[in-house]
Amino acid sequence: MKSWIGDAIVGAHMDYVEELSGAGVRSGQLQAICIGSGGFVRRKLPLFEELRRLSTFRSNYAEDTRHHHHRHGDVFVRRLGARSLYLCHPRLAEHVFRTNVLNYPKGRDYDMLRPLIGEGIIVSDGEVWARQRRLLAPEFRLNQVGRYLPTINAEIDLLSDQWRAAAAAGASVNVGQDMQNFALRVLGGAIFRSDFSREAEVIGETLEICLVQGTKQMLSMGLLPPWLPTPGNLRARAAEQRLNHSVRGLIAEGRALSRGGCPFSGGAARAPGPGEAATQAAAKPAGQAAGAADLLTRMLDAKDPDTGAGMSEQQLLDEIKSLILAGHETSALVLSWALYLLARHPRIEARVLEESRRVLGDQPARLEDVDSLVFTRQVLLETMRLYPPVPGVTRQALADDSVEGVEIRAGESVTIPLYLLHRHPEFWADPDRFDPDRFAPDRVDAIDPYSYLPFLRRRRACLGEHFAMLELVVALASIVSRFSLARVDEGEIGIRPISTLRMARPLVMRPRERVPAT
């Protein structure tokens, strides 16, 4: 009885505080009202302010969240657009991601991805997620990702050939699109033994359609459910079917090759006939060592260490689509933002150039080179601070909870805005300034671990973090050592957050090949 009364008083108290905040009571007055409730104050955003800024929220929810944080503090409730409790402080993020992580499974926003990737690891939770993680984790350990370096180097060479041709013609290139294509080919070469280039365009186009429409659904306040037959929803549904068809074809081809059969026979696997071995070898992506097992082959052979079970056909399809979605979009964005920032900061670009030429010379990167590209890595870490590839994540409280005076109710959506945490003025001096030396070896330990979460942490840490960092460091060092890139137009390019943090307009640049190092 005593506990029930206490909970009722706390709930009424927090509703009272939220209403006072919505009525315009100042922060200092709220702190006085909330003495004894902890270090944070839960506020409802004023409804009029939400209505006035609704279009801003829908077009740029990341910067809109910064606006509300500046006015209302570290904890606030948004009621329009996508109702959620926003926790904007590292200590609160740590509670959700570490201290009481089991109370916060993935939120309803992930449902927008289910039509696209089913029960893939991005959206799954509970035992399904844990089983998928056990199956996939061995492929992305630090001591395993080096096997993908030849594929990364081969795709850098292909990109370089394209940019040399553009430079010779005095043409400009769409850097964002080229980074998307590069990252998709790298991932395709890692997953599939067969040539991925013919599928990359279809997969990239279908993912784009589905992601954009999914974001519209998420921000529609329930007015655009996926089942409604609007033109956008119908386009997304057709794109999902095309994506499934392409990925199923690649899986079937990879399965046949892994068994030594002909990928185009449509029948049982068999030994290759005369001339077929050469055809199959030619189908491997550039840079893949002869006999090297691709990720798909190892996924086909993988067994859950606890149960001994492998992946079902549907699970394999969902996981491949999840890897493609998560693995290429994020890397492409980080590289695009990094090249944009270097073009705006020539002194920092010069330091990357000096390091890359000293470490790599004119040769492709070797695995032993990567640890020596220290400043290049700092540039990428700082790029992900300013422009985290995923600007925010949502969770849903299973049970009532309390952290530092903030009451969280069962079933409530909780948003951790990573874009804001990465620029929180309490934890980052001059937070909008590009300063890779924040991550210098003698300074990095001073960073609060939950103020910087590009790959999340602990139980929910990104499975592909080591793969991504290998790809990013090698790609940025190689590109800068080979080309200078000049913006076609100047000024801030702006952000366009969907489920990822995209640029508001294309990044168009003119490449110029550098004179080789002597």
Protein backbone atom coordinates (compact mmCIF):
# COMPACT_ATOMS: atom_id res chain seq x y z
CA MET A 1 0.00 0.00 0.00
CA LYS A 2 2.77 2.42 0.93
CA SER A 3 4.59 1.75 -2.36
CA TRP A 4 1.42 2.33 -4.38
CA ILE A 5 0.75 5.66 -2.66
CA GLY A 6 4.35 6.75 -3.21
CA ASP A 7 4.17 5.90 -6.92
CA ALA A 8 0.89 7.80 -7.26
CA ILE A 9 2.40 10.89 -5.61
CA VAL A 10 5.48 10.77 -7.85
CA GLY A 11 3.35 10.37 -10.98
CA ALA A 12 1.11 13.29 -10.04
CA HIS A 13 4.16 15.37 -9.16
CA MET A 14 5.78 14.78 -12.56
CA ASP A 15 2.55 15.57 -14.43
CA TYR A 16 2.33 18.82 -12.44
CA VAL A 17 5.90 19.72 -13.34
CA GLU A 18 5.31 18.98 -17.02
CA GLU A 19 2.22 21.17 -17.09
CA LEU A 20 4.06 24.04 -15.38
CA SER A 21 6.82 23.73 -17.96
CA GLY A 22 4.28 23.77 -20.75
CA ALA A 23 2.75 26.89 -19.25
CA GLY A 24 6.06 28.71 -19.49
CA VAL A 25 7.44 28.37 -15.94
CA ARG A 26 11.19 29.05 -16.10
CA SER A 27 13.90 26.46 -15.53
CA GLY A 28 15.02 27.95 -12.22
CA GLN A 29 11.48 27.88 -10.87
CA LEU A 30 11.09 24.27 -11.97
CA GLN A 31 14.30 23.31 -10.21
CA ALA A 32 12.89 24.80 -7.00
CA ILE A 33 9.64 22.86 -7.44
CA CYS A 34 11.54 19.63 -8.03
CA ILE A 35 13.84 19.73 -4.99
CA GLY A 36 14.37 16.15 -3.95
CA SER A 37 13.46 14.67 -7.33
CA GLY A 38 17.07 14.46 -8.55
CA GLY A 39 19.36 16.33 -10.91
CA PHE A 40 17.07 16.37 -13.97
CA VAL A 41 13.65 17.86 -14.62
CA ARG A 42 11.15 16.25 -16.97
CA ARG A 43 9.29 18.83 -19.06
CA LYS A 44 6.61 18.72 -21.70
CA LEU A 45 7.34 20.89 -24.69
CA PRO A 46 4.79 23.71 -24.93
CA LEU A 47 2.14 22.54 -27.39
CA PHE A 48 2.10 25.85 -29.27
CA GLU A 49 5.87 25.66 -29.75
CA GLU A 50 5.59 22.13 -31.08
CA LEU A 51 2.86 23.13 -33.51
CA ARG A 52 4.83 26.16 -34.69
CA ARG A 53 7.95 24.05 -35.30
CA LEU A 54 6.27 20.90 -36.62
CA SER A 55 7.44 21.45 -40.20
CA THR A 56 11.00 22.05 -38.93
CA PHE A 57 10.83 18.81 -36.94
CA ARG A 58 9.72 16.85 -39.98
CA SER A 59 12.43 18.32 -42.25
CA ASN A 60 15.31 18.34 -39.74
CA TYR A 61 14.47 16.63 -36.47
CA ALA A 62 18.12 16.58 -35.38
CA GLU A 63 18.54 20.37 -35.28
CA ASP A 64 15.00 20.79 -33.98
CA THR A 65 15.97 18.63 -31.00
CA ARG A 66 18.95 20.89 -30.34
CA HIS A 67 16.62 23.88 -30.33
CA HIS A 68 14.38 22.32 -27.69
CA HIS A 69 17.35 21.16 -25.64
CA HIS A 70 18.69 24.70 -25.53
CA ARG A 71 15.32 26.01 -24.33
CA HIS A 72 14.11 23.21 -22.09
CA GLY A 73 17.09 21.22 -20.84
CA ASP A 74 18.22 17.60 -20.85
CA VAL A 75 14.83 15.88 -20.41
CA PHE A 76 11.67 16.75 -22.31
CA VAL A 77 8.59 15.09 -23.79
CA ARG A 78 7.63 15.66 -27.39
CA ARG A 79 3.95 15.03 -28.06
CA LEU A 80 3.62 15.80 -31.78
CA GLY A 81 5.42 14.26 -34.74
CA ALA A 82 6.56 11.18 -32.86
CA ARG A 83 5.67 11.18 -29.15
CA SER A 84 8.71 10.33 -27.05
CA LEU A 85 10.67 11.14 -23.91
CA TYR A 86 14.01 12.68 -24.92
CA LEU A 87 17.00 11.91 -22.69
CA CYS A 88 19.78 14.30 -23.71
CA HIS A 89 22.53 13.68 -21.16
CA PRO A 90 25.29 11.02 -21.14
CA ARG A 91 24.37 9.79 -17.64
CA LEU A 92 20.82 9.12 -18.81
CA ALA A 93 22.05 7.45 -21.99
CA GLU A 94 24.28 5.20 -19.88
CA HIS A 95 21.28 4.17 -17.81
CA VAL A 96 19.36 3.11 -20.92
CA PHE A 97 22.26 1.45 -22.75
CA ARG A 98 24.08 -0.10 -19.79
CA THR A 99 22.68 0.14 -16.25
CA ASN A 100 19.15 -1.05 -17.04
CA VAL A 101 19.57 -2.14 -20.63
CA LEU A 102 17.16 -5.09 -20.41
CA ASN A 103 14.30 -2.72 -19.64
CA TYR A 104 14.81 -0.85 -22.92
CA PRO A 105 14.37 -2.97 -26.04
CA LYS A 106 14.23 -1.31 -29.44
CA GLY A 107 11.46 1.22 -29.92
CA ARG A 108 8.52 1.36 -32.29
CA ASP A 109 10.48 3.44 -34.81
CA TYR A 110 12.29 0.26 -35.83
CA ASP A 111 8.97 -1.14 -37.04
CA MET A 112 9.27 1.01 -40.16
CA LEU A 113 12.18 -1.21 -41.22
CA ARG A 114 10.40 -4.55 -40.70
CA PRO A 115 8.77 -4.64 -44.15
CA LEU A 116 12.24 -4.09 -45.61
CA ILE A 117 14.48 -6.37 -43.51
CA GLY A 118 12.04 -8.62 -41.66
CA GLU A 119 13.53 -9.87 -38.40
CA GLY A 120 17.12 -8.96 -39.28
CA ILE A 121 19.50 -8.05 -36.50
CA ILE A 122 18.84 -4.30 -36.89
CA VAL A 123 15.21 -4.62 -35.75
CA SER A 124 15.04 -7.90 -33.80
CA ASP A 125 15.23 -8.12 -30.03
CA GLY A 126 15.25 -10.61 -27.18
CA GLU A 127 16.29 -14.19 -27.85
CA VAL A 128 15.97 -13.79 -31.63
CA TRP A 129 18.47 -10.93 -31.54
CA ALA A 130 20.81 -12.79 -29.16
CA ARG A 131 20.87 -15.86 -31.41
CA GLN A 132 21.56 -13.79 -34.52
CA ARG A 133 24.33 -11.93 -32.72
CA ARG A 134 26.00 -15.19 -31.66
CA LEU A 135 25.93 -16.42 -35.26
CA LEU A 136 27.29 -13.23 -36.83
CA ALA A 137 29.72 -11.91 -34.20
CA PRO A 138 32.66 -14.20 -35.08
CA GLU A 139 32.74 -12.75 -38.63
CA PHE A 140 33.37 -9.20 -37.41
CA ARG A 141 35.92 -9.67 -34.66
CA LEU A 142 38.99 -7.46 -34.84
CA ASN A 143 41.25 -10.39 -35.72
CA GLN A 144 38.97 -11.43 -38.60
CA VAL A 145 38.16 -8.25 -40.55
CA GLY A 146 41.63 -8.00 -42.13
CA ARG A 147 40.52 -10.60 -44.68
CA TYR A 148 38.40 -7.89 -46.33
CA LEU A 149 41.32 -5.52 -47.00
CA PRO A 150 42.02 -6.81 -50.55
CA THR A 151 38.40 -6.11 -51.51
CA ILE A 152 38.62 -2.60 -50.00
CA ASN A 153 41.84 -1.85 -51.90
CA ALA A 154 40.42 -3.20 -55.17
CA GLU A 155 37.36 -0.96 -54.90
CA ILE A 156 39.56 2.07 -54.06
CA ASP A 157 41.49 1.38 -57.25
CA LEU A 158 38.25 1.24 -59.25
CA LEU A 159 37.08 4.53 -57.72
CA SER A 160 40.47 6.08 -58.48
CA ASP A 161 40.20 5.08 -62.13
CA GLN A 162 36.80 6.77 -62.34
CA TRP A 163 38.04 9.96 -60.71
CA ARG A 164 41.18 10.08 -62.86
CA ALA A 165 38.96 10.00 -65.94
CA ALA A 166 36.81 12.80 -64.49
CA ALA A 167 39.91 14.84 -63.63
CA ALA A 168 41.33 14.41 -67.13
CA ALA A 169 38.03 15.65 -68.60
CA GLY A 170 37.79 18.56 -66.16
CA ALA A 171 34.50 17.11 -64.88
CA SER A 172 32.99 17.18 -61.42
CA VAL A 173 31.81 14.15 -59.44
CA ASN A 174 28.95 13.56 -57.03
CA VAL A 175 31.03 12.51 -54.03
CA GLY A 176 28.08 11.31 -51.95
CA GLN A 177 26.82 9.04 -54.72
CA ASP A 178 30.31 7.74 -55.46
CA MET A 179 30.84 6.93 -51.77
CA GLN A 180 27.52 5.07 -51.71
CA ASN A 181 28.56 3.02 -54.74
CA PHE A 182 32.03 2.38 -53.31
CA ALA A 183 30.74 1.23 -49.91
CA LEU A 184 28.06 -0.95 -51.50
CA ARG A 185 30.60 -2.67 -53.75
CA VAL A 186 32.95 -3.23 -50.80
CA LEU A 187 30.17 -4.82 -48.82
CA GLY A 188 29.00 -6.87 -51.78
CA GLY A 189 32.53 -8.12 -52.35
CA ALA A 190 32.79 -9.10 -48.69
CA ILE A 191 29.44 -10.90 -48.54
CA PHE A 192 29.25 -12.55 -51.95
CA ARG A 193 31.80 -14.48 -53.95
CA SER A 194 30.13 -13.54 -57.24
CA ASP A 195 30.40 -10.22 -59.04
CA PHE A 196 28.17 -7.75 -57.20
CA SER A 197 28.43 -4.77 -59.53
CA ARG A 198 25.42 -5.69 -61.66
CA GLU A 199 23.21 -5.84 -58.54
CA ALA A 200 24.59 -2.77 -56.75
CA GLU A 201 22.52 -0.25 -58.70
CA VAL A 202 19.24 -2.10 -58.10
CA ILE A 203 19.96 -2.63 -54.40
CA GLY A 204 21.07 0.97 -53.86
CA GLU A 205 17.97 2.35 -55.62
CA THR A 206 15.51 0.11 -53.76
CA LEU A 207 17.04 0.86 -50.36
CA GLU A 208 16.81 4.60 -51.05
CA ILE A 209 13.11 4.39 -51.89
CA CYS A 210 12.32 2.31 -48.81
CA LEU A 211 14.33 4.44 -46.36
CA VAL A 212 12.84 7.73 -47.50
CA GLN A 213 9.28 6.37 -47.36
CA GLY A 214 9.92 4.74 -43.97
CA THR A 215 11.03 8.09 -42.55
CA LYS A 216 7.85 9.75 -43.87
CA GLN A 217 5.80 7.05 -42.12
CA MET A 218 7.70 7.52 -38.86
CA LEU A 219 7.15 11.29 -38.79
CA SER A 220 3.54 11.23 -40.01
CA MET A 221 1.90 11.06 -36.54
CA GLY A 222 0.17 7.85 -37.64
CA LEU A 223 -1.39 9.42 -40.73
CA LEU A 224 0.72 7.33 -43.15
CA PRO A 225 0.54 3.68 -42.04
CA PRO A 226 2.47 1.25 -44.28
CA TRP A 227 -0.73 -0.54 -45.36
CA LEU A 228 -2.33 2.59 -46.82
CA PRO A 229 -2.13 2.35 -50.65
CA THR A 230 -0.58 5.77 -51.27
CA PRO A 231 1.73 6.23 -54.27
CA GLY A 232 4.77 6.41 -51.96
CA ASN A 233 3.81 3.26 -50.04
CA LEU A 234 3.14 1.39 -53.27
CA ARG A 235 6.54 2.43 -54.65
CA ALA A 236 8.18 1.25 -51.42
CA ARG A 237 6.36 -2.08 -51.56
CA ALA A 238 7.48 -2.64 -55.15
CA ALA A 239 11.04 -1.68 -54.20
CA GLU A 240 10.98 -4.23 -51.35
CA GLN A 241 9.97 -6.96 -53.79
CA ARG A 242 12.77 -6.01 -56.20
CA LEU A 243 15.27 -6.00 -53.32
CA ASN A 244 14.15 -9.43 -52.15
CA HIS A 245 14.41 -10.80 -55.68
CA SER A 246 17.95 -9.47 -56.12
CA VAL A 247 19.22 -10.70 -52.75
CA ARG A 248 17.62 -14.13 -53.15
CA GLY A 249 19.35 -14.46 -56.50
CA LEU A 250 22.71 -13.56 -54.98
CA ILE A 251 22.19 -16.04 -52.14
CA ALA A 252 21.29 -18.82 -54.58
CA GLU A 253 24.34 -18.03 -56.70
CA GLY A 254 26.60 -17.93 -53.67
CA ARG A 255 25.19 -21.19 -52.33
CA ALA A 256 25.83 -22.93 -55.64
CA LEU A 257 29.39 -21.62 -55.83
CA SER A 258 30.10 -22.64 -52.24
CA ARG A 259 29.09 -26.20 -53.17
CA GLY A 260 31.14 -26.20 -56.35
CA GLY A 261 28.12 -26.05 -58.67
CA CYS A 262 27.08 -23.76 -61.49
CA PRO A 263 25.29 -20.68 -60.15
CA PHE A 264 23.09 -20.48 -63.23
CA SER A 265 21.98 -24.10 -63.58
CA GLY A 266 19.01 -23.83 -61.23
CA GLY A 267 19.63 -27.45 -60.24
CA ALA A 268 21.65 -29.33 -57.67
CA ALA A 269 25.24 -28.40 -57.04
CA ARG A 270 27.77 -30.26 -59.15
CA ALA A 271 31.43 -30.14 -59.98
CA PRO A 272 32.32 -27.50 -62.57
CA GLY A 273 32.75 -28.73 -66.10
CA PRO A 274 35.50 -27.78 -68.58
CA GLY A 275 35.94 -24.04 -68.67
CA GLU A 276 33.47 -23.44 -65.83
CA ALA A 277 36.19 -23.16 -63.18
CA ALA A 278 37.67 -20.21 -65.02
CA THR A 279 34.23 -18.65 -65.41
CA GLN A 280 33.55 -19.01 -61.69
CA ALA A 281 36.97 -17.59 -60.82
CA ALA A 282 36.30 -14.60 -63.06
CA ALA A 283 33.02 -14.03 -61.25
CA LYS A 284 34.86 -13.27 -57.99
CA PRO A 285 35.17 -9.61 -57.15
CA ALA A 286 38.55 -8.00 -57.68
CA GLY A 287 40.86 -8.40 -54.74
CA GLN A 288 39.37 -11.61 -53.40
CA ALA A 289 42.01 -14.22 -52.86
CA ALA A 290 41.61 -17.54 -54.61
CA GLY A 291 39.85 -20.00 -52.36
CA ALA A 292 38.92 -17.32 -49.84
CA ALA A 293 35.52 -17.98 -48.27
CA ASP A 294 33.13 -15.06 -48.54
CA LEU A 295 30.88 -14.00 -45.69
CA LEU A 296 27.84 -15.67 -47.24
CA THR A 297 29.58 -19.04 -47.33
CA ARG A 298 30.53 -18.75 -43.68
CA MET A 299 26.98 -17.67 -42.80
CA LEU A 300 25.65 -20.76 -44.60
CA ASP A 301 27.99 -22.90 -42.52
CA ALA A 302 27.54 -21.02 -39.22
CA LYS A 303 26.06 -22.87 -36.25
CA ASP A 304 24.75 -21.32 -33.06
CA PRO A 305 27.34 -22.27 -30.39
CA ASP A 306 24.54 -22.80 -27.85
CA THR A 307 22.02 -24.75 -29.93
CA GLY A 308 23.96 -26.03 -32.95
CA ALA A 309 21.26 -24.67 -35.28
CA GLY A 310 22.08 -22.83 -38.48
CA MET A 311 20.19 -20.02 -40.24
CA SER A 312 16.85 -20.60 -41.91
CA GLU A 313 16.32 -19.36 -45.46
CA GLN A 314 14.23 -16.44 -44.24
CA GLN A 315 16.72 -15.53 -41.54
CA LEU A 316 19.55 -15.63 -44.07
CA LEU A 317 17.62 -13.28 -46.37
CA ASP A 318 16.82 -10.89 -43.51
CA GLU A 319 20.41 -10.84 -42.23
CA ILE A 320 21.94 -10.23 -45.65
CA LYS A 321 19.58 -7.29 -46.21
CA SER A 322 20.39 -5.97 -42.73
CA LEU A 323 24.12 -6.13 -43.40
CA ILE A 324 23.72 -4.36 -46.74
CA LEU A 325 21.54 -1.64 -45.22
CA ALA A 326 23.64 -1.01 -42.13
CA GLY A 327 27.03 -1.64 -43.70
CA HIS A 328 27.09 0.59 -46.75
CA GLU A 329 24.90 3.62 -45.98
CA THR A 330 26.69 4.53 -42.76
CA SER A 331 30.23 4.13 -44.13
CA ALA A 332 29.38 6.12 -47.24
CA LEU A 333 28.01 8.98 -45.16
CA VAL A 334 31.05 9.14 -42.89
CA LEU A 335 33.40 9.27 -45.88
CA SER A 336 31.30 11.94 -47.59
CA TRP A 337 31.16 14.12 -44.47
CA ALA A 338 34.91 13.64 -43.90
CA LEU A 339 35.78 14.77 -47.45
CA TYR A 340 33.42 17.74 -47.05
CA LEU A 341 35.09 18.77 -43.79
CA LEU A 342 38.62 18.36 -45.17
CA ALA A 343 37.73 20.58 -48.15
CA ARG A 344 36.68 23.26 -45.64
CA HIS A 345 39.79 22.83 -43.47
CA PRO A 346 42.87 22.66 -45.73
CA ARG A 347 45.36 22.62 -42.84
CA ILE A 348 43.78 19.49 -41.44
CA GLU A 349 43.68 17.97 -44.93
CA ALA A 350 47.42 18.67 -45.25
CA ARG A 351 48.09 16.69 -42.06
CA VAL A 352 46.10 13.72 -43.44
CA LEU A 353 48.03 13.97 -46.72
CA GLU A 354 51.40 14.03 -44.95
CA GLU A 355 50.50 11.00 -42.84
CA SER A 356 49.02 8.99 -45.68
CA ARG A 357 52.00 9.54 -47.94
CA ARG A 358 54.45 8.76 -45.15
CA VAL A 359 52.64 5.53 -44.23
CA LEU A 360 51.29 4.33 -47.58
CA GLY A 361 53.57 5.96 -50.13
CA ASP A 362 52.06 5.15 -53.52
CA GLN A 363 51.07 1.59 -52.57
CA PRO A 364 47.77 0.05 -51.50
CA ALA A 365 47.34 -0.13 -47.74
CA ARG A 366 48.64 -3.18 -45.90
CA LEU A 367 47.05 -4.42 -42.71
CA GLU A 368 50.13 -3.40 -40.73
CA ASP A 369 49.77 0.18 -42.05
CA VAL A 370 46.37 0.80 -40.50
CA ASP A 371 47.53 1.34 -36.91
CA SER A 372 50.01 3.97 -38.15
CA LEU A 373 47.26 6.11 -39.70
CA VAL A 374 46.62 7.74 -36.33
CA PHE A 375 45.57 11.22 -37.44
CA THR A 376 43.39 9.86 -40.25
CA ARG A 377 41.53 7.88 -37.61
CA GLN A 378 41.16 11.03 -35.47
CA VAL A 379 39.61 12.87 -38.44
CA LEU A 380 37.06 10.09 -38.87
CA LEU A 381 36.21 9.97 -35.17
CA GLU A 382 35.67 13.74 -35.13
CA THR A 383 33.61 13.49 -38.33
CA MET A 384 31.33 10.97 -36.61
CA ARG A 385 31.05 13.28 -33.62
CA LEU A 386 29.78 16.16 -35.74
CA TYR A 387 27.81 13.99 -38.15
CA PRO A 388 26.95 10.64 -36.53
CA PRO A 389 25.68 8.36 -39.31
CA VAL A 390 22.65 7.49 -37.17
CA PRO A 391 21.44 10.73 -35.50
CA GLY A 392 19.31 9.10 -32.81
CA VAL A 393 17.95 5.83 -31.48
CA THR A 394 14.71 4.95 -29.75
CA ARG A 395 13.92 2.43 -27.02
CA GLN A 396 10.68 1.45 -25.32
CA ALA A 397 10.44 1.03 -21.54
CA LEU A 398 9.12 -2.40 -20.55
CA ALA A 399 8.47 -1.42 -16.94
CA ASP A 400 8.28 1.75 -14.88
CA ASP A 401 11.74 3.09 -14.14
CA SER A 402 13.42 6.03 -12.44
CA VAL A 403 16.82 7.57 -13.04
CA GLU A 404 18.13 10.67 -11.25
CA GLY A 405 14.64 12.00 -10.60
CA VAL A 406 13.29 11.26 -14.07
CA GLU A 407 10.26 8.97 -13.98
CA ILE A 408 9.89 6.74 -17.04
CA ARG A 409 6.62 4.95 -17.53
CA ALA A 410 6.08 1.44 -18.84
CA GLY A 411 5.42 1.50 -22.59
CA GLU A 412 6.91 4.97 -23.02
CA SER A 413 9.05 5.67 -26.05
CA VAL A 414 12.53 6.91 -25.10
CA THR A 415 14.77 8.75 -27.58
CA ILE A 416 18.53 9.12 -27.18
CA PRO A 417 19.52 11.90 -29.64
CA LEU A 418 23.11 11.01 -30.57
CA TYR A 419 23.49 14.11 -32.75
CA LEU A 420 22.79 16.24 -29.70
CA LEU A 421 24.92 14.21 -27.26
CA HIS A 422 27.86 14.62 -29.63
CA ARG A 423 27.45 18.40 -29.44
CA HIS A 424 26.38 18.72 -25.80
CA PRO A 425 28.08 21.92 -24.58
CA GLU A 426 28.70 20.48 -21.11
CA PHE A 427 30.93 17.78 -22.59
CA TRP A 428 32.35 19.32 -25.75
CA ALA A 429 34.12 22.69 -25.79
CA ASP A 430 33.13 24.74 -28.85
CA PRO A 431 30.97 21.80 -29.94
CA ASP A 432 30.34 22.88 -33.53
CA ARG A 433 34.05 23.26 -34.35
CA PHE A 434 35.85 20.55 -36.35
CA ASP A 435 38.84 19.57 -34.22
CA PRO A 436 40.28 16.07 -34.76
CA ASP A 437 42.79 16.65 -31.95
CA ARG A 438 39.95 16.02 -29.48
CA PHE A 439 40.70 12.37 -30.21
CA ALA A 440 44.48 12.60 -29.92
CA PRO A 441 45.95 9.70 -27.90
CA ASP A 442 46.78 11.94 -24.95
CA ARG A 443 43.26 13.45 -24.83
CA VAL A 444 40.87 10.69 -25.79
CA ASP A 445 40.63 9.16 -22.32
CA ALA A 446 39.07 12.38 -20.99
CA ILE A 447 36.00 11.96 -23.22
CA ASP A 448 32.89 10.79 -21.39
CA PRO A 449 32.13 7.42 -23.01
CA TYR A 450 28.38 8.07 -23.23
CA SER A 451 28.80 11.52 -24.77
CA TYR A 452 30.15 9.82 -27.90
CA LEU A 453 28.20 6.88 -29.32
CA PRO A 454 28.63 6.52 -33.10
CA PHE A 455 28.70 2.72 -32.68
CA LEU A 456 26.73 2.60 -29.40
CA ARG A 457 28.33 0.56 -26.58
CA ARG A 458 28.42 -2.70 -24.69
CA ARG A 459 25.47 -5.05 -25.34
CA ARG A 460 24.17 -2.95 -28.24
CA ALA A 461 27.53 -2.03 -29.76
CA CYS A 462 27.54 -2.09 -33.56
CA LEU A 463 28.50 -5.53 -34.83
CA GLY A 464 30.47 -4.10 -37.77
CA GLU A 465 32.51 -1.46 -35.93
CA HIS A 466 35.92 -3.03 -36.68
CA PHE A 467 35.01 -3.68 -40.33
CA ALA A 468 33.78 -0.10 -40.69
CA MET A 469 36.87 1.49 -39.14
CA LEU A 470 39.19 -0.59 -41.35
CA GLU A 471 37.25 0.47 -44.45
CA LEU A 472 37.01 4.13 -43.41
CA VAL A 473 40.65 4.61 -42.42
CA VAL A 474 42.04 2.89 -45.51
CA ALA A 475 39.61 4.63 -47.87
CA LEU A 476 40.13 8.16 -46.52
CA ALA A 477 43.93 7.88 -46.40
CA SER A 478 44.04 6.42 -49.92
CA ILE A 479 41.68 9.02 -51.42
CA VAL A 480 43.49 11.98 -49.86
CA SER A 481 46.89 10.64 -50.94
CA ARG A 482 45.71 10.32 -54.56
CA PHE A 483 43.35 13.28 -55.08
CA SER A 484 42.64 16.82 -54.03
CA LEU A 485 38.95 17.66 -54.13
CA ALA A 486 37.57 21.17 -54.61
CA ARG A 487 33.96 22.12 -53.89
CA VAL A 488 31.94 23.30 -56.88
CA ASP A 489 29.88 25.49 -54.54
CA GLU A 490 30.90 26.89 -51.17
CA GLY A 491 29.10 27.29 -47.88
CA GLU A 492 27.44 24.97 -45.40
CA ILE A 493 25.86 21.98 -47.05
CA GLY A 494 23.33 21.32 -44.26
CA ILE A 495 21.91 18.09 -42.90
CA ARG A 496 18.90 16.02 -43.94
CA PRO A 497 18.20 13.43 -41.28
CA ILE A 498 16.13 10.42 -42.21
CA SER A 499 16.99 7.20 -40.37
CA THR A 500 20.58 8.23 -41.17
CA LEU A 501 22.22 11.67 -41.26
CA ARG A 502 22.39 12.65 -44.89
CA MET A 503 23.49 15.84 -46.61
CA ALA A 504 20.82 18.39 -47.47
CA ARG A 505 22.10 18.66 -51.04
CA PRO A 506 24.59 16.78 -53.21
CA LEU A 507 28.30 17.15 -52.47
CA VAL A 508 29.70 17.97 -55.91
CA MET A 509 33.49 18.30 -56.19
CA ARG A 510 36.17 18.46 -58.85
CA PRO A 511 38.92 15.85 -58.40
CA ARG A 512 42.51 16.61 -59.29
CA GLU A 513 45.07 13.84 -59.26
CA ARG A 514 48.02 14.56 -57.02
CA VAL A 515 51.61 14.24 -58.19
CA PRO A 516 52.88 10.90 -56.86
CA ALA A 517 55.05 11.05 -53.76
CA THR A 518 58.78 10.73 -54.39
